[in-house]
Structure formats: C-alpha cells, structure tokens
C-alpha cells in the first residue's frame, strides 16, 4: 500500500469518514478518467460519505424501532402481571410509586 493511502486512511478513521475511506480510490480513478476538477472530486467524495451515513442511519433507526417494540410488549406483560394480584382489604401489594405507572 502506498504511504499516502495509509495516511489518508488514518485521517479518515480519525475523522470517522468511513464512506470517504471506502471510495476515495475508486472516485480518484473515475475523476482521472473523466477529467474532473478537484471540486467535482470533492463533491462526489462528500456525497458518497453522506449516502453511507444515510444508509447507516436508516439501519440504526430500524434496529432501535424493533427493540422499542419488544421492550413495549414486555412492559405490557409486566403491567398485566403486577395488576393480576388480588388486593385484600388493608393490604397494598403494589408499590405506590408503581401505581401511577400501571394505572390505565
């Protein structure tokens, strides 16, 4: 590997620019073949970074949404469990701090 490529990779890692690190070589070759200006190359490089971040953001949001649904269903089961105990006169089995949380 070229020393310059190693330095660019190090800078990209430090700045958390994964999209740029993955595609700058490919984009540089395309820029040379299509005779792009430096600003065209920079624009395409930043666009590839933006695209990767958007994809990663969608994946993260989908993952968190799935986890939220699972947690919500578990909380619903806990509410049913906590309210299923019979309460005898004079005896409060449910913690008063939880009473507001489980009330419907």
Protein backbone atom coordinates (compact mmCIF):
# COMPACT_ATOMS: atom_id res chain seq x y z
CA UNK A 1 0.00 0.00 0.00
CA UNK A 2 1.15 3.50 -0.79
CA UNK A 3 2.27 5.61 2.19
CA UNK A 4 -0.07 8.40 1.09
CA UNK A 5 -3.01 5.98 1.03
CA UNK A 6 -2.15 4.89 4.57
CA UNK A 7 -2.11 8.50 5.77
CA UNK A 8 -5.44 9.22 4.07
CA UNK A 9 -6.95 6.10 5.66
CA UNK A 10 -5.64 7.21 9.07
CA UNK A 11 -7.16 10.67 8.65
CA UNK A 12 -10.48 9.20 7.51
CA UNK A 13 -10.57 6.90 10.54
CA UNK A 14 -9.74 9.77 12.90
CA UNK A 15 -12.49 11.92 11.37
CA UNK A 16 -14.92 8.98 11.16
CA UNK A 17 -15.33 9.31 7.38
CA UNK A 18 -15.92 5.65 6.50
CA UNK A 19 -17.69 6.40 3.22
CA UNK A 20 -14.82 8.52 2.01
CA UNK A 21 -12.26 5.93 3.14
CA UNK A 22 -14.09 3.18 1.24
CA UNK A 23 -14.50 5.08 -2.03
CA UNK A 24 -11.77 7.71 -2.46
CA UNK A 25 -9.52 5.45 -4.54
CA UNK A 26 -12.39 4.48 -6.84
CA UNK A 27 -13.51 8.10 -7.12
CA UNK A 28 -9.95 9.27 -7.82
CA UNK A 29 -9.68 6.80 -10.71
CA UNK A 30 -13.05 7.94 -12.05
CA UNK A 31 -12.02 11.60 -11.69
CA UNK A 32 -8.86 10.93 -13.68
CA UNK A 33 -10.68 9.10 -16.47
CA UNK A 34 -13.45 11.72 -16.71
CA UNK A 35 -11.14 14.71 -16.20
CA UNK A 36 -12.99 16.04 -13.16
CA UNK A 37 -11.89 19.21 -11.40
CA UNK A 38 -10.82 18.99 -7.78
CA UNK A 39 -14.17 20.45 -6.69
CA UNK A 40 -16.05 17.77 -8.68
CA UNK A 41 -13.97 15.10 -6.96
CA UNK A 42 -14.58 16.69 -3.55
CA UNK A 43 -18.33 16.92 -4.21
CA UNK A 44 -18.55 13.26 -5.21
CA UNK A 45 -16.46 12.21 -2.21
CA UNK A 46 -18.69 14.08 0.22
CA UNK A 47 -21.81 12.72 -1.48
CA UNK A 48 -20.57 9.15 -1.01
CA UNK A 49 -19.95 9.85 2.69
CA UNK A 50 -23.45 11.34 3.04
CA UNK A 51 -25.04 8.35 1.28
CA UNK A 52 -23.28 5.87 3.57
CA UNK A 53 -24.36 7.79 6.65
CA UNK A 54 -27.98 7.88 5.46
CA UNK A 55 -28.00 4.12 4.92
CA UNK A 56 -26.42 3.53 8.33
CA UNK A 57 -28.93 5.91 9.96
CA UNK A 58 -31.88 4.02 8.42
CA UNK A 59 -30.45 0.72 9.61
CA UNK A 60 -29.91 2.07 13.13
CA UNK A 61 -33.41 3.54 13.28
CA UNK A 62 -34.93 0.24 12.12
CA UNK A 63 -32.93 -1.65 14.75
CA UNK A 64 -33.96 0.73 17.54
CA UNK A 65 -37.60 0.65 16.42
CA UNK A 66 -37.58 -3.16 16.59
CA UNK A 67 -36.09 -3.05 20.09
CA UNK A 68 -38.64 -0.45 21.22
CA UNK A 69 -41.49 -2.70 20.10
CA UNK A 70 -40.02 -5.63 22.03
CA UNK A 71 -39.50 -3.54 25.16
CA UNK A 72 -43.01 -2.09 24.92
CA UNK A 73 -44.53 -5.55 24.70
CA UNK A 74 -42.51 -6.66 27.74
CA UNK A 75 -43.70 -3.64 29.70
CA UNK A 76 -47.29 -4.50 28.81
CA UNK A 77 -46.77 -8.01 30.19
CA UNK A 78 -45.26 -6.60 33.38
CA UNK A 79 -48.31 -4.34 33.83
CA UNK A 80 -50.64 -7.32 33.46
CA UNK A 81 -48.57 -9.31 35.95
CA UNK A 82 -48.49 -6.52 38.53
CA UNK A 83 -52.22 -5.92 38.33
CA UNK A 84 -53.21 -9.60 38.47
CA UNK A 85 -52.59 -9.97 42.22
CA UNK A 86 -55.68 -9.76 44.39
CA UNK A 87 -55.52 -6.95 46.88
CA UNK A 88 -57.03 -7.78 50.25
CA UNK A 89 -58.63 -5.12 52.40
CA UNK A 90 -55.98 -3.15 54.27
CA UNK A 91 -53.13 -4.67 52.27
CA UNK A 92 -51.40 -2.81 49.43
CA UNK A 93 -49.37 -5.25 47.35
CA UNK A 94 -48.46 -2.73 44.69
CA UNK A 95 -45.72 -0.22 45.38
CA UNK A 96 -47.33 3.26 45.47
CA UNK A 97 -44.69 4.58 43.05
CA UNK A 98 -45.71 1.93 40.52
CA UNK A 99 -49.43 2.51 40.96
CA UNK A 100 -49.45 5.56 38.64
CA UNK A 101 -47.36 3.72 36.08
CA UNK A 102 -49.62 0.68 35.84
CA UNK A 103 -52.94 2.53 36.01
CA UNK A 104 -54.75 2.76 32.71
